[in-house]
Amino acid sequence: MLRGEKLKNVKNILSLILVIVFAVFVSNYDEGTQAAASLSMHMVSVSGESFGIKMHTAGVLVISTAEVQTESGVKNPAADVGLKAGDVITHVNGKAVNKCNEVSAAIEKSGGKQMILSIRRDDTQKSVALKPELSASAGTYKAGLWIRDSSAGIGTVTFTDKAGNFAALGHGVTDVDTHTLLPLKNGEALQSDIIGFSEAQKGKAGELYGVLTDTPIGSITKNTDGGIYGVTKANTASLHYIPVAEPKEIKRGKATMYTTIDAKGPQAFEVYISFVSRLSAGYKDMIIKVTDENLLKRTGGILQGMSGSPIVQNGKFVGALTHVFVNKPEMGYAVFGYKMVNLSKQ
């Protein structure tokens, strides 16, 4: 083959490769654009209402292991078989468990005989053989486990859609000790009353104080890294709906955040979107700054409990507040609204 023909063939191959790469890129771009476009047509009713969260775990969460003082010395049965904080106990001797007292009762009734615990760790299921020890002080059998089966707190409802689905927080509910995402079995969204707050200060986060009532406003069905989701009991027909913004529509500039800081309910406050990351793979897509003098004067900035407060720009739902900058309490992260809408539909 002549040199010129070789070069021509190489050029043809390279051209073909470029065409294939370009076609794949265009295909992916079109799919992403179409997905965002379809979500932008989704209509939501933004809220900003404070609410109570009561969640029960799927399985029992291990908080930590502990020593057991026995007649023959200090033992640590749980740590000896490799149990650690963040593990979720799903079965004891083949029986499913979801409450702490179910695990505790089985251990106390074991008589010191070996037990098989099924645990979930990082989405992997495994079994361990644990032998409880007789506590010299309590007179009962112990495994050296601190465990938890529920969590409660307050947050902010982000939006409700026409189908009656709601979204809140913009981040997941994690265990206060292990910082792991709570595995949800079921949960309730309850009406809450805000009774006060501690002001935000540089280096110290402020916090909303609320009281959970017994009045349910919905059920919680999903706990994800991008928020909690569920079904509302409210009548959605009378709500006001606005479109969801595509990321490309969100600009640096003024916006409005809706949040609750007292008994008056949701109020509108001015914020400034100072940073937008359209390539973010996680949920820290924007940085916002509170510019409303009234809110700054009253609270010092963003408070714990405001997570989920919806943000609106140019008449469209753009996202929700998720985290506060502790050293700059007037600033915080926010997640794109279209991501929360997507999670609510999954």
C-alpha atoms as a PDB file:
ATOM      1  CA  MET A   1       0.000   0.000   0.000  1.00  0.00           C
ATOM      2  CA  LEU A   2       1.280   3.458  -0.888  1.00  0.00           C
ATOM      3  CA  ARG A   3       2.099   5.954   1.847  1.00  0.00           C
ATOM      4  CA  GLY A   4      -0.579   8.364   0.604  1.00  0.00           C
ATOM      5  CA  GLU A   5      -3.206   5.641   0.763  1.00  0.00           C
ATOM      6  CA  LYS A   6      -2.103   4.739   4.315  1.00  0.00           C
ATOM      7  CA  LEU A   7      -2.483   8.359   5.416  1.00  0.00           C
ATOM      8  CA  LYS A   8      -5.880   8.539   3.716  1.00  0.00           C
ATOM      9  CA  ASN A   9      -7.057   5.399   5.552  1.00  0.00           C
ATOM     10  CA  VAL A  10      -5.770   6.730   8.894  1.00  0.00           C
ATOM     11  CA  LYS A  11      -7.631  10.005   8.314  1.00  0.00           C
ATOM     12  CA  ASN A  12     -10.798   8.084   7.452  1.00  0.00           C
ATOM     13  CA  ILE A  13     -10.500   5.991  10.634  1.00  0.00           C
ATOM     14  CA  LEU A  14      -9.900   9.103  12.764  1.00  0.00           C
ATOM     15  CA  SER A  15     -12.861  10.827  11.148  1.00  0.00           C
ATOM     16  CA  LEU A  16     -15.025   7.810  11.871  1.00  0.00           C
ATOM     17  CA  ILE A  17     -13.892   7.765  15.521  1.00  0.00           C
ATOM     18  CA  LEU A  18     -14.636  11.485  15.848  1.00  0.00           C
ATOM     19  CA  VAL A  19     -18.080  10.977  14.304  1.00  0.00           C
ATOM     20  CA  ILE A  20     -18.818   8.120  16.733  1.00  0.00           C
ATOM     21  CA  VAL A  21     -17.604  10.143  19.756  1.00  0.00           C
ATOM     22  CA  PHE A  22     -19.593  13.163  18.610  1.00  0.00           C
ATOM     23  CA  ALA A  23     -22.686  11.012  18.089  1.00  0.00           C
ATOM     24  CA  VAL A  24     -22.374   9.553  21.598  1.00  0.00           C
ATOM     25  CA  PHE A  25     -21.850  13.043  23.042  1.00  0.00           C
ATOM     26  CA  VAL A  26     -24.852  14.436  21.181  1.00  0.00           C
ATOM     27  CA  SER A  27     -26.945  11.444  22.247  1.00  0.00           C
ATOM     28  CA  ASN A  28     -26.026  11.886  25.923  1.00  0.00           C
ATOM     29  CA  TYR A  29     -26.520  15.633  25.706  1.00  0.00           C
ATOM     30  CA  ASP A  30     -29.923  15.198  24.091  1.00  0.00           C
ATOM     31  CA  GLU A  31     -30.996  12.680  26.741  1.00  0.00           C
ATOM     32  CA  GLY A  32     -29.898  15.022  29.554  1.00  0.00           C
ATOM     33  CA  THR A  33     -31.529  17.996  27.874  1.00  0.00           C
ATOM     34  CA  GLN A  34     -34.776  16.108  27.322  1.00  0.00           C
ATOM     35  CA  ALA A  35     -34.787  14.885  30.928  1.00  0.00           C
ATOM     36  CA  ALA A  36     -34.250  18.391  32.271  1.00  0.00           C
ATOM     37  CA  ALA A  37     -36.817  19.782  29.856  1.00  0.00           C
ATOM     38  CA  SER A  38     -39.441  17.250  30.921  1.00  0.00           C
ATOM     39  CA  LEU A  39     -38.777  18.072  34.562  1.00  0.00           C
ATOM     40  CA  SER A  40     -38.963  21.788  33.856  1.00  0.00           C
ATOM     41  CA  MET A  41     -42.515  21.217  32.644  1.00  0.00           C
ATOM     42  CA  HIS A  42     -43.326  19.644  36.020  1.00  0.00           C
ATOM     43  CA  MET A  43     -45.343  21.998  38.209  1.00  0.00           C
ATOM     44  CA  VAL A  44     -44.889  22.195  41.973  1.00  0.00           C
ATOM     45  CA  SER A  45     -46.338  24.201  44.817  1.00  0.00           C
ATOM     46  CA  VAL A  46     -43.475  25.547  46.927  1.00  0.00           C
ATOM     47  CA  SER A  47     -44.019  25.506  50.680  1.00  0.00           C
ATOM     48  CA  GLY A  48     -41.512  26.647  53.316  1.00  0.00           C
ATOM     49  CA  GLU A  49     -43.729  25.237  56.065  1.00  0.00           C
ATOM     50  CA  SER A  50     -42.017  23.829  59.145  1.00  0.00           C
ATOM     51  CA  PHE A  51     -42.993  20.250  59.980  1.00  0.00           C
ATOM     52  CA  GLY A  52     -42.153  17.437  62.341  1.00  0.00           C
ATOM     53  CA  ILE A  53     -40.307  14.311  61.266  1.00  0.00           C
ATOM     54  CA  LYS A  54     -40.758  10.939  62.961  1.00  0.00           C
ATOM     55  CA  MET A  55     -38.936   8.011  61.363  1.00  0.00           C
ATOM     56  CA  HIS A  56     -38.585   4.336  62.204  1.00  0.00           C
ATOM     57  CA  THR A  57     -35.642   2.343  60.902  1.00  0.00           C
ATOM     58  CA  ALA A  58     -35.712  -0.775  58.745  1.00  0.00           C
ATOM     59  CA  GLY A  59     -33.738  -2.921  61.138  1.00  0.00           C
ATOM     60  CA  VAL A  60     -31.951  -1.667  64.251  1.00  0.00           C
ATOM     61  CA  LEU A  61     -29.004   0.687  63.933  1.00  0.00           C
ATOM     62  CA  VAL A  62     -25.819   0.023  65.909  1.00  0.00           C
ATOM     63  CA  ILE A  63     -24.661   3.278  67.528  1.00  0.00           C
ATOM     64  CA  SER A  64     -21.572   1.890  69.264  1.00  0.00           C
ATOM     65  CA  THR A  65     -20.205  -1.102  71.135  1.00  0.00           C
ATOM     66  CA  ALA A  66     -19.569  -1.158  74.882  1.00  0.00           C
ATOM     67  CA  GLU A  67     -17.800  -3.193  77.522  1.00  0.00           C
ATOM     68  CA  VAL A  68     -19.678  -5.642  79.751  1.00  0.00           C
ATOM     69  CA  GLN A  69     -18.379  -6.141  83.280  1.00  0.00           C
ATOM     70  CA  THR A  70     -18.607  -9.864  84.065  1.00  0.00           C
ATOM     71  CA  GLU A  71     -17.524 -11.941  87.096  1.00  0.00           C
ATOM     72  CA  SER A  72     -14.455 -13.016  85.111  1.00  0.00           C
ATOM     73  CA  GLY A  73     -13.520  -9.538  83.865  1.00  0.00           C
ATOM     74  CA  VAL A  74     -14.389  -7.023  81.170  1.00  0.00           C
ATOM     75  CA  LYS A  75     -15.816  -8.439  77.922  1.00  0.00           C
ATOM     76  CA  ASN A  76     -16.998  -6.825  74.687  1.00  0.00           C
ATOM     77  CA  PRO A  77     -19.065  -9.447  72.823  1.00  0.00           C
ATOM     78  CA  ALA A  78     -20.220  -7.154  69.994  1.00  0.00           C
ATOM     79  CA  ALA A  79     -16.784  -5.744  69.201  1.00  0.00           C
ATOM     80  CA  ASP A  80     -15.229  -9.233  69.394  1.00  0.00           C
ATOM     81  CA  VAL A  81     -17.360 -10.424  66.449  1.00  0.00           C
ATOM     82  CA  GLY A  82     -16.672  -7.276  64.413  1.00  0.00           C
ATOM     83  CA  LEU A  83     -19.867  -5.282  64.949  1.00  0.00           C
ATOM     84  CA  LYS A  84     -19.366  -1.519  64.605  1.00  0.00           C
ATOM     85  CA  ALA A  85     -21.220   1.776  64.507  1.00  0.00           C
ATOM     86  CA  GLY A  86     -23.379   2.100  61.392  1.00  0.00           C
ATOM     87  CA  ASP A  87     -24.207  -1.598  61.109  1.00  0.00           C
ATOM     88  CA  VAL A  88     -27.918  -2.408  60.846  1.00  0.00           C
ATOM     89  CA  ILE A  89     -29.183  -5.545  62.602  1.00  0.00           C
ATOM     90  CA  THR A  90     -31.960  -6.985  60.433  1.00  0.00           C
ATOM     91  CA  HIS A  91     -32.479 -10.469  61.957  1.00  0.00           C
ATOM     92  CA  VAL A  92     -31.771 -12.277  65.235  1.00  0.00           C
ATOM     93  CA  ASN A  93     -31.650 -16.075  64.886  1.00  0.00           C
ATOM     94  CA  GLY A  94     -33.518 -15.758  61.589  1.00  0.00           C
ATOM     95  CA  LYS A  95     -36.305 -13.536  62.957  1.00  0.00           C
ATOM     96  CA  ALA A  96     -36.685 -10.033  61.508  1.00  0.00           C
ATOM     97  CA  VAL A  97     -36.226  -7.174  63.994  1.00  0.00           C
ATOM     98  CA  ASN A  98     -37.068  -3.465  63.714  1.00  0.00           C
ATOM     99  CA  LYS A  99     -37.188  -2.352  67.354  1.00  0.00           C
ATOM    100  CA  CYS A 100     -34.531  -2.050  70.030  1.00  0.00           C
ATOM    101  CA  ASN A 101     -36.598  -3.983  72.577  1.00  0.00           C
ATOM    102  CA  GLU A 102     -36.826  -6.933  70.174  1.00  0.00           C
ATOM    103  CA  VAL A 103     -33.029  -7.166  70.053  1.00  0.00           C
ATOM    104  CA  SER A 104     -32.587  -6.536  73.805  1.00  0.00           C
ATOM    105  CA  ALA A 105     -35.198  -9.138  74.758  1.00  0.00           C
ATOM    106  CA  ALA A 106     -33.603 -11.796  72.536  1.00  0.00           C
ATOM    107  CA  ILE A 107     -30.175 -11.119  74.067  1.00  0.00           C
ATOM    108  CA  GLU A 108     -31.461 -11.218  77.647  1.00  0.00           C
ATOM    109  CA  LYS A 109     -33.322 -14.503  76.999  1.00  0.00           C
ATOM    110  CA  SER A 110     -30.337 -16.120  75.259  1.00  0.00           C
ATOM    111  CA  GLY A 111     -29.007 -17.706  78.440  1.00  0.00           C
ATOM    112  CA  GLY A 112     -25.531 -16.938  77.176  1.00  0.00           C
ATOM    113  CA  LYS A 113     -25.943 -19.204  74.165  1.00  0.00           C
ATOM    114  CA  GLN A 114     -24.544 -18.183  70.788  1.00  0.00           C
ATOM    115  CA  MET A 115     -26.857 -16.063  68.629  1.00  0.00           C
ATOM    116  CA  ILE A 116     -26.787 -15.443  64.877  1.00  0.00           C
ATOM    117  CA  LEU A 117     -27.208 -11.800  63.954  1.00  0.00           C
ATOM    118  CA  SER A 118     -27.829 -10.819  60.344  1.00  0.00           C
ATOM    119  CA  ILE A 119     -26.476  -7.343  59.657  1.00  0.00           C
ATOM    120  CA  ARG A 120     -26.409  -4.951  56.725  1.00  0.00           C
ATOM    121  CA  ARG A 121     -23.236  -2.948  56.201  1.00  0.00           C
ATOM    122  CA  ASP A 122     -22.752  -0.653  53.198  1.00  0.00           C
ATOM    123  CA  ASP A 123     -25.494  -2.464  51.237  1.00  0.00           C
ATOM    124  CA  THR A 124     -23.880  -5.835  51.964  1.00  0.00           C
ATOM    125  CA  GLN A 125     -25.613  -8.494  54.076  1.00  0.00           C
ATOM    126  CA  LYS A 126     -23.601 -10.729  56.393  1.00  0.00           C
ATOM    127  CA  SER A 127     -24.052 -12.858  59.530  1.00  0.00           C
ATOM    128  CA  VAL A 128     -22.094 -12.963  62.790  1.00  0.00           C
ATOM    129  CA  ALA A 129     -22.211 -15.420  65.688  1.00  0.00           C
ATOM    130  CA  LEU A 130     -22.431 -13.458  68.943  1.00  0.00           C
ATOM    131  CA  LYS A 131     -22.269 -14.900  72.468  1.00  0.00           C
ATOM    132  CA  PRO A 132     -23.839 -12.617  75.126  1.00  0.00           C
ATOM    133  CA  GLU A 133     -22.148 -12.275  78.503  1.00  0.00           C
ATOM    134  CA  LEU A 134     -23.743 -12.131  81.948  1.00  0.00           C
ATOM    135  CA  SER A 135     -23.441  -8.616  83.381  1.00  0.00           C
ATOM    136  CA  ALA A 136     -22.249  -8.671  86.998  1.00  0.00           C
ATOM    137  CA  SER A 137     -24.013  -5.378  87.778  1.00  0.00           C
ATOM    138  CA  ALA A 138     -27.326  -5.888  85.917  1.00  0.00           C
ATOM    139  CA  GLY A 139     -27.656  -9.637  86.452  1.00  0.00           C
ATOM    140  CA  THR A 140     -28.831 -10.103  82.836  1.00  0.00           C
ATOM    141  CA  TYR A 141     -27.151 -11.100  79.589  1.00  0.00           C
ATOM    142  CA  LYS A 142     -25.685  -8.257  77.534  1.00  0.00           C
ATOM    143  CA  ALA A 143     -24.080  -7.987  74.095  1.00  0.00           C
ATOM    144  CA  GLY A 144     -22.290  -4.689  74.640  1.00  0.00           C
ATOM    145  CA  LEU A 145     -24.445  -2.841  72.108  1.00  0.00           C
ATOM    146  CA  TRP A 146     -25.891   0.663  71.955  1.00  0.00           C
ATOM    147  CA  ILE A 147     -28.703   0.627  69.393  1.00  0.00           C
ATOM    148  CA  ARG A 148     -31.398   2.927  67.948  1.00  0.00           C
ATOM    149  CA  ASP A 149     -34.626   2.309  66.011  1.00  0.00           C
ATOM    150  CA  SER A 150     -36.111   5.768  65.438  1.00  0.00           C
ATOM    151  CA  SER A 151     -35.405   9.452  64.993  1.00  0.00           C
ATOM    152  CA  ALA A 152     -37.380  12.684  65.354  1.00  0.00           C
ATOM    153  CA  GLY A 153     -36.819  16.336  64.549  1.00  0.00           C
ATOM    154  CA  ILE A 154     -38.072  19.283  62.541  1.00  0.00           C
ATOM    155  CA  GLY A 155     -37.392  20.451  59.007  1.00  0.00           C
ATOM    156  CA  THR A 156     -38.983  22.373  56.169  1.00  0.00           C
ATOM    157  CA  VAL A 157     -41.322  21.144  53.434  1.00  0.00           C
ATOM    158  CA  THR A 158     -39.927  22.110  50.019  1.00  0.00           C
ATOM    159  CA  PHE A 159     -42.788  21.408  47.635  1.00  0.00           C
ATOM    160  CA  THR A 160     -45.902  19.418  46.889  1.00  0.00           C
ATOM    161  CA  ASP A 161     -46.887  18.268  43.408  1.00  0.00           C
ATOM    162  CA  LYS A 162     -50.327  17.761  41.855  1.00  0.00           C
ATOM    163  CA  ALA A 163     -50.189  14.016  42.511  1.00  0.00           C
ATOM    164  CA  GLY A 164     -49.907  14.653  46.256  1.00  0.00           C
ATOM    165  CA  ASN A 165     -46.217  13.837  46.629  1.00  0.00           C
ATOM    166  CA  PHE A 166     -44.112  16.072  48.849  1.00  0.00           C
ATOM    167  CA  ALA A 167     -40.382  16.701  49.225  1.00  0.00           C
ATOM    168  CA  ALA A 168     -38.458  18.145  52.160  1.00  0.00           C
ATOM    169  CA  LEU A 169     -35.016  18.927  53.645  1.00  0.00           C
ATOM    170  CA  GLY A 170     -32.929  18.635  50.479  1.00  0.00           C
ATOM    171  CA  HIS A 171     -30.638  16.249  52.356  1.00  0.00           C
ATOM    172  CA  GLY A 172     -31.158  12.925  54.070  1.00  0.00           C
ATOM    173  CA  VAL A 173     -31.917  12.233  57.723  1.00  0.00           C
ATOM    174  CA  THR A 174     -28.754  10.799  59.252  1.00  0.00           C
ATOM    175  CA  ASP A 175     -28.105   9.334  62.672  1.00  0.00           C
ATOM    176  CA  VAL A 176     -26.725  11.936  65.050  1.00  0.00           C
ATOM    177  CA  ASP A 177     -24.011   9.585  66.348  1.00  0.00           C
ATOM    178  CA  THR A 178     -22.930   7.529  63.347  1.00  0.00           C
ATOM    179  CA  HIS A 179     -23.682  10.168  60.652  1.00  0.00           C
ATOM    180  CA  THR A 180     -25.034   7.395  58.424  1.00  0.00           C
ATOM    181  CA  LEU A 181     -28.263   7.661  56.442  1.00  0.00           C
ATOM    182  CA  LEU A 182     -31.082   6.175  58.502  1.00  0.00           C
ATOM    183  CA  PRO A 183     -32.523   3.074  56.792  1.00  0.00           C
ATOM    184  CA  LEU A 184     -36.220   3.920  56.566  1.00  0.00           C
ATOM    185  CA  LYS A 185     -38.940   1.411  57.396  1.00  0.00           C
ATOM    186  CA  ASN A 186     -41.719   3.973  57.706  1.00  0.00           C
ATOM    187  CA  GLY A 187     -42.206   7.523  58.872  1.00  0.00           C
ATOM    188  CA  GLU A 188     -44.693  10.250  59.635  1.00  0.00           C
ATOM    189  CA  ALA A 189     -44.766  13.911  58.687  1.00  0.00           C
ATOM    190  CA  LEU A 190     -46.388  15.782  61.553  1.00  0.00           C
ATOM    191  CA  GLN A 191     -47.651  19.274  62.103  1.00  0.00           C
ATOM    192  CA  SER A 192     -45.196  21.292  64.200  1.00  0.00           C
ATOM    193  CA  ASP A 193     -45.291  24.586  66.041  1.00  0.00           C
ATOM    194  CA  ILE A 194     -42.227  26.847  66.011  1.00  0.00           C
ATOM    195  CA  ILE A 195     -41.771  28.242  69.523  1.00  0.00           C
ATOM    196  CA  GLY A 196     -38.497  30.120  69.080  1.00  0.00           C
ATOM    197  CA  PHE A 197     -34.907  29.909  67.912  1.00  0.00           C
ATOM    198  CA  SER A 198     -31.310  30.551  68.895  1.00  0.00           C
ATOM    199  CA  GLU A 199     -29.596  33.144  66.711  1.00  0.00           C
ATOM    200  CA  ALA A 200     -26.850  32.147  64.314  1.00  0.00           C
ATOM    201  CA  GLN A 201     -23.386  33.435  65.115  1.00  0.00           C
ATOM    202  CA  LYS A 202     -20.034  33.062  63.420  1.00  0.00           C
ATOM    203  CA  GLY A 203     -18.677  29.664  64.426  1.00  0.00           C
ATOM    204  CA  LYS A 204     -21.944  28.580  66.064  1.00  0.00           C
ATOM    205  CA  ALA A 205     -25.015  27.445  64.161  1.00  0.00           C
ATOM    206  CA  GLY A 206     -28.390  28.808  65.183  1.00  0.00           C
ATOM    207  CA  GLU A 207     -31.369  26.510  65.550  1.00  0.00           C
ATOM    208  CA  LEU A 208     -35.154  26.581  65.213  1.00  0.00           C
ATOM    209  CA  TYR A 209     -37.079  25.222  68.200  1.00  0.00           C
ATOM    210  CA  GLY A 210     -40.282  23.402  67.400  1.00  0.00           C
ATOM    211  CA  VAL A 211     -42.840  21.179  69.079  1.00  0.00           C
ATOM    212  CA  LEU A 212     -44.152  18.120  67.245  1.00  0.00           C
ATOM    213  CA  THR A 213     -47.912  17.653  67.457  1.00  0.00           C
ATOM    214  CA  ASP A 214     -49.863  14.425  67.030  1.00  0.00           C
ATOM    215  CA  THR A 215     -51.513  15.749  63.860  1.00  0.00           C
ATOM    216  CA  PRO A 216     -50.233  13.858  60.781  1.00  0.00           C
ATOM    217  CA  ILE A 217     -49.839  15.805  57.546  1.00  0.00           C
ATOM    218  CA  GLY A 218     -48.454  12.931  55.510  1.00  0.00           C
ATOM    219  CA  SER A 219     -46.390   9.761  55.406  1.00  0.00           C
ATOM    220  CA  ILE A 220     -42.656   9.548  54.713  1.00  0.00           C
ATOM    221  CA  THR A 221     -41.752   6.880  52.159  1.00  0.00           C
ATOM    222  CA  LYS A 222     -38.130   7.642  51.172  1.00  0.00           C
ATOM    223  CA  ASN A 223     -35.008   8.880  52.936  1.00  0.00           C
ATOM    224  CA  THR A 224     -32.297   9.751  50.414  1.00  0.00           C
ATOM    225  CA  ASP A 225     -29.094  11.791  50.266  1.00  0.00           C
ATOM    226  CA  GLY A 226     -31.117  14.376  48.326  1.00  0.00           C
ATOM    227  CA  GLY A 227     -33.995  14.749  50.790  1.00  0.00           C
ATOM    228  CA  ILE A 228     -36.965  12.938  52.272  1.00  0.00           C
ATOM    229  CA  TYR A 229     -40.099  12.216  50.260  1.00  0.00           C
ATOM    230  CA  GLY A 230     -43.618  11.098  50.923  1.00  0.00           C
ATOM    231  CA  VAL A 231     -47.335  11.506  50.364  1.00  0.00           C
ATOM    232  CA  THR A 232     -49.275  14.450  51.771  1.00  0.00           C
ATOM    233  CA  LYS A 233     -52.748  14.385  53.309  1.00  0.00           C
ATOM    234  CA  ALA A 234     -53.426  17.945  52.148  1.00  0.00           C
ATOM    235  CA  ASN A 235     -55.885  18.880  49.417  1.00  0.00           C
ATOM    236  CA  THR A 236     -53.591  19.722  46.502  1.00  0.00           C
ATOM    237  CA  ALA A 237     -56.280  21.033  44.142  1.00  0.00           C
ATOM    238  CA  SER A 238     -56.337  24.512  45.689  1.00  0.00           C
ATOM    239  CA  LEU A 239     -52.561  25.036  45.767  1.00  0.00           C
ATOM    240  CA  HIS A 240     -50.673  27.483  43.537  1.00  0.00           C
ATOM    241  CA  TYR A 241     -48.209  25.795  41.179  1.00  0.00           C
ATOM    242  CA  ILE A 242     -45.110  27.125  39.412  1.00  0.00           C
ATOM    243  CA  PRO A 243     -42.727  25.486  36.902  1.00  0.00           C
ATOM    244  CA  VAL A 244     -39.406  23.862  37.830  1.00  0.00           C
ATOM    245  CA  ALA A 245     -36.323  25.596  36.417  1.00  0.00           C
ATOM    246  CA  GLU A 246     -33.717  23.823  34.331  1.00  0.00           C
ATOM    247  CA  PRO A 247     -30.157  24.312  35.638  1.00  0.00           C
ATOM    248  CA  LYS A 248     -29.280  26.450  32.610  1.00  0.00           C
ATOM    249  CA  GLU A 249     -32.041  28.892  33.571  1.00  0.00           C
ATOM    250  CA  ILE A 250     -30.626  29.527  37.047  1.00  0.00           C
ATOM    251  CA  LYS A 251     -28.467  32.646  37.192  1.00  0.00           C
ATOM    252  CA  ARG A 252     -26.336  34.395  39.747  1.00  0.00           C
ATOM    253  CA  GLY A 253     -28.528  37.084  41.202  1.00  0.00           C
ATOM    254  CA  LYS A 254     -31.514  37.839  43.399  1.00  0.00           C
ATOM    255  CA  ALA A 255     -33.982  35.153  44.414  1.00  0.00           C
ATOM    256  CA  THR A 256     -36.623  34.540  47.063  1.00  0.00           C
ATOM    257  CA  MET A 257     -36.480  31.928  49.823  1.00  0.00           C
ATOM    258  CA  TYR A 258     -39.594  30.803  51.684  1.00  0.00           C
ATOM    259  CA  THR A 259     -39.121  29.652  55.263  1.00  0.00           C
ATOM    260  CA  THR A 260     -40.781  29.609  58.694  1.00  0.00           C
ATOM    261  CA  ILE A 261     -39.230  31.264  61.751  1.00  0.00           C
ATOM    262  CA  ASP A 262     -42.328  31.912  63.898  1.00  0.00           C
ATOM    263  CA  ALA A 263     -46.027  31.199  64.275  1.00  0.00           C
ATOM    264  CA  LYS A 264     -46.856  33.281  61.185  1.00  0.00           C
ATOM    265  CA  GLY A 265     -45.856  30.383  58.933  1.00  0.00           C
ATOM    266  CA  PRO A 266     -43.869  30.617  55.681  1.00  0.00           C
ATOM    267  CA  GLN A 267     -42.576  34.073  54.785  1.00  0.00           C
ATOM    268  CA  ALA A 268     -40.645  35.344  51.761  1.00  0.00           C
ATOM    269  CA  PHE A 269     -37.064  36.545  52.274  1.00  0.00           C
ATOM    270  CA  GLU A 270     -34.591  37.914  49.744  1.00  0.00           C
ATOM    271  CA  VAL A 271     -31.449  35.887  49.017  1.00  0.00           C
ATOM    272  CA  TYR A 272     -28.677  36.115  46.438  1.00  0.00           C
ATOM    273  CA  ILE A 273     -27.502  33.127  44.399  1.00  0.00           C
ATOM    274  CA  SER A 274     -23.735  33.666  44.309  1.00  0.00           C
ATOM    275  CA  PHE A 275     -22.601  30.388  42.739  1.00  0.00           C
ATOM    276  CA  VAL A 276     -24.180  27.816  40.402  1.00  0.00           C
ATOM    277  CA  SER A 277     -22.485  24.503  39.530  1.00  0.00           C
ATOM    278  CA  ARG A 278     -24.210  22.809  36.605  1.00  0.00           C
ATOM    279  CA  LEU A 279     -21.697  19.928  36.693  1.00  0.00           C
ATOM    280  CA  SER A 280     -22.284  18.953  40.325  1.00  0.00           C
ATOM    281  CA  ALA A 281     -22.714  15.204  40.782  1.00  0.00           C
ATOM    282  CA  GLY A 282     -23.919  15.589  44.377  1.00  0.00           C
ATOM    283  CA  TYR A 283     -26.429  17.890  46.003  1.00  0.00           C
ATOM    284  CA  LYS A 284     -24.390  21.042  46.685  1.00  0.00           C
ATOM    285  CA  ASP A 285     -25.362  22.738  43.436  1.00  0.00           C
ATOM    286  CA  MET A 286     -25.626  26.364  44.519  1.00  0.00           C
ATOM    287  CA  ILE A 287     -24.348  28.760  47.146  1.00  0.00           C
ATOM    288  CA  ILE A 288     -26.808  31.324  48.422  1.00  0.00           C
ATOM    289  CA  LYS A 289     -26.425  34.353  50.649  1.00  0.00           C
ATOM    290  CA  VAL A 290     -29.196  35.809  52.786  1.00  0.00           C
ATOM    291  CA  THR A 291     -29.499  39.510  51.918  1.00  0.00           C
ATOM    292  CA  ASP A 292     -32.831  40.206  53.602  1.00  0.00           C
ATOM    293  CA  GLU A 293     -32.104  42.691  56.404  1.00  0.00           C
ATOM    294  CA  ASN A 294     -35.161  41.616  58.392  1.00  0.00           C
ATOM    295  CA  LEU A 295     -34.099  37.954  58.460  1.00  0.00           C
ATOM    296  CA  LEU A 296     -30.463  38.815  59.231  1.00  0.00           C
ATOM    297  CA  LYS A 297     -31.503  41.121  62.079  1.00  0.00           C
ATOM    298  CA  ARG A 298     -33.826  38.555  63.610  1.00  0.00           C
ATOM    299  CA  THR A 299     -31.949  35.251  63.173  1.00  0.00           C
ATOM    300  CA  GLY A 300     -28.388  36.197  62.240  1.00  0.00           C
ATOM    301  CA  GLY A 301     -28.731  34.152  59.058  1.00  0.00           C
ATOM    302  CA  ILE A 302     -29.565  30.529  58.272  1.00  0.00           C
ATOM    303  CA  LEU A 303     -30.724  28.283  61.115  1.00  0.00           C
ATOM    304  CA  GLN A 304     -30.761  24.531  61.569  1.00  0.00           C
ATOM    305  CA  GLY A 305     -34.311  23.476  60.789  1.00  0.00           C
ATOM    306  CA  MET A 306     -34.508  25.661  57.677  1.00  0.00           C
ATOM    307  CA  SER A 307     -33.204  22.813  55.519  1.00  0.00           C
ATOM    308  CA  GLY A 308     -35.613  22.324  52.641  1.00  0.00           C
ATOM    309  CA  SER A 309     -36.643  25.972  52.373  1.00  0.00           C
ATOM    310  CA  PRO A 310     -37.589  26.456  48.693  1.00  0.00           C
ATOM    311  CA  ILE A 311     -35.894  29.066  46.506  1.00  0.00           C
ATOM    312  CA  VAL A 312     -37.684  30.790  43.626  1.00  0.00           C
ATOM    313  CA  GLN A 313     -36.096  32.880  40.866  1.00  0.00           C
ATOM    314  CA  ASN A 314     -37.945  34.532  37.974  1.00  0.00           C
ATOM    315  CA  GLY A 315     -41.155  32.750  38.882  1.00  0.00           C
ATOM    316  CA  LYS A 316     -39.628  29.254  38.815  1.00  0.00           C
ATOM    317  CA  PHE A 317     -38.664  26.782  41.524  1.00  0.00           C
ATOM    318  CA  VAL A 318     -34.849  26.566  41.372  1.00  0.00           C
ATOM    319  CA  GLY A 319     -33.850  24.676  44.487  1.00  0.00           C
ATOM    320  CA  ALA A 320     -33.837  24.201  48.240  1.00  0.00           C
ATOM    321  CA  LEU A 321     -31.552  25.270  51.058  1.00  0.00           C
ATOM    322  CA  THR A 322     -29.594  22.334  52.531  1.00  0.00           C
ATOM    323  CA  HIS A 323     -26.631  23.409  54.688  1.00  0.00           C
ATOM    324  CA  VAL A 324     -25.349  26.505  56.473  1.00  0.00           C
ATOM    325  CA  PHE A 325     -21.751  27.744  56.505  1.00  0.00           C
ATOM    326  CA  VAL A 326     -20.979  27.713  60.238  1.00  0.00           C
ATOM    327  CA  ASN A 327     -18.389  30.498  59.966  1.00  0.00           C
ATOM    328  CA  LYS A 328     -20.614  32.518  57.619  1.00  0.00           C
ATOM    329  CA  PRO A 329     -24.176  31.845  58.812  1.00  0.00           C
ATOM    330  CA  GLU A 330     -25.641  34.187  56.208  1.00  0.00           C
ATOM    331  CA  MET A 331     -24.488  31.721  53.535  1.00  0.00           C
ATOM    332  CA  GLY A 332     -25.346  28.144  52.699  1.00  0.00           C
ATOM    333  CA  TYR A 333     -25.569  25.402  50.081  1.00  0.00           C
ATOM    334  CA  ALA A 334     -28.666  24.582  48.038  1.00  0.00           C
ATOM    335  CA  VAL A 335     -29.676  21.662  45.817  1.00  0.00           C
ATOM    336  CA  PHE A 336     -31.215  22.061  42.351  1.00  0.00           C
ATOM    337  CA  GLY A 337     -34.985  21.762  42.370  1.00  0.00           C
ATOM    338  CA  TYR A 338     -35.054  19.479  39.345  1.00  0.00           C
ATOM    339  CA  LYS A 339     -32.966  16.914  41.254  1.00  0.00           C
ATOM    340  CA  MET A 340     -35.507  16.843  44.063  1.00  0.00           C
ATOM    341  CA  VAL A 341     -38.365  16.535  41.574  1.00  0.00           C
ATOM    342  CA  ASN A 342     -36.545  13.630  39.919  1.00  0.00           C
ATOM    343  CA  LEU A 343     -36.055  11.871  43.266  1.00  0.00           C
ATOM    344  CA  SER A 344     -39.716  12.390  44.158  1.00  0.00           C
ATOM    345  CA  LYS A 345     -40.775  10.624  40.940  1.00  0.00           C
ATOM    346  CA  GLN A 346     -38.494   7.592  41.343  1.00  0.00           C
END
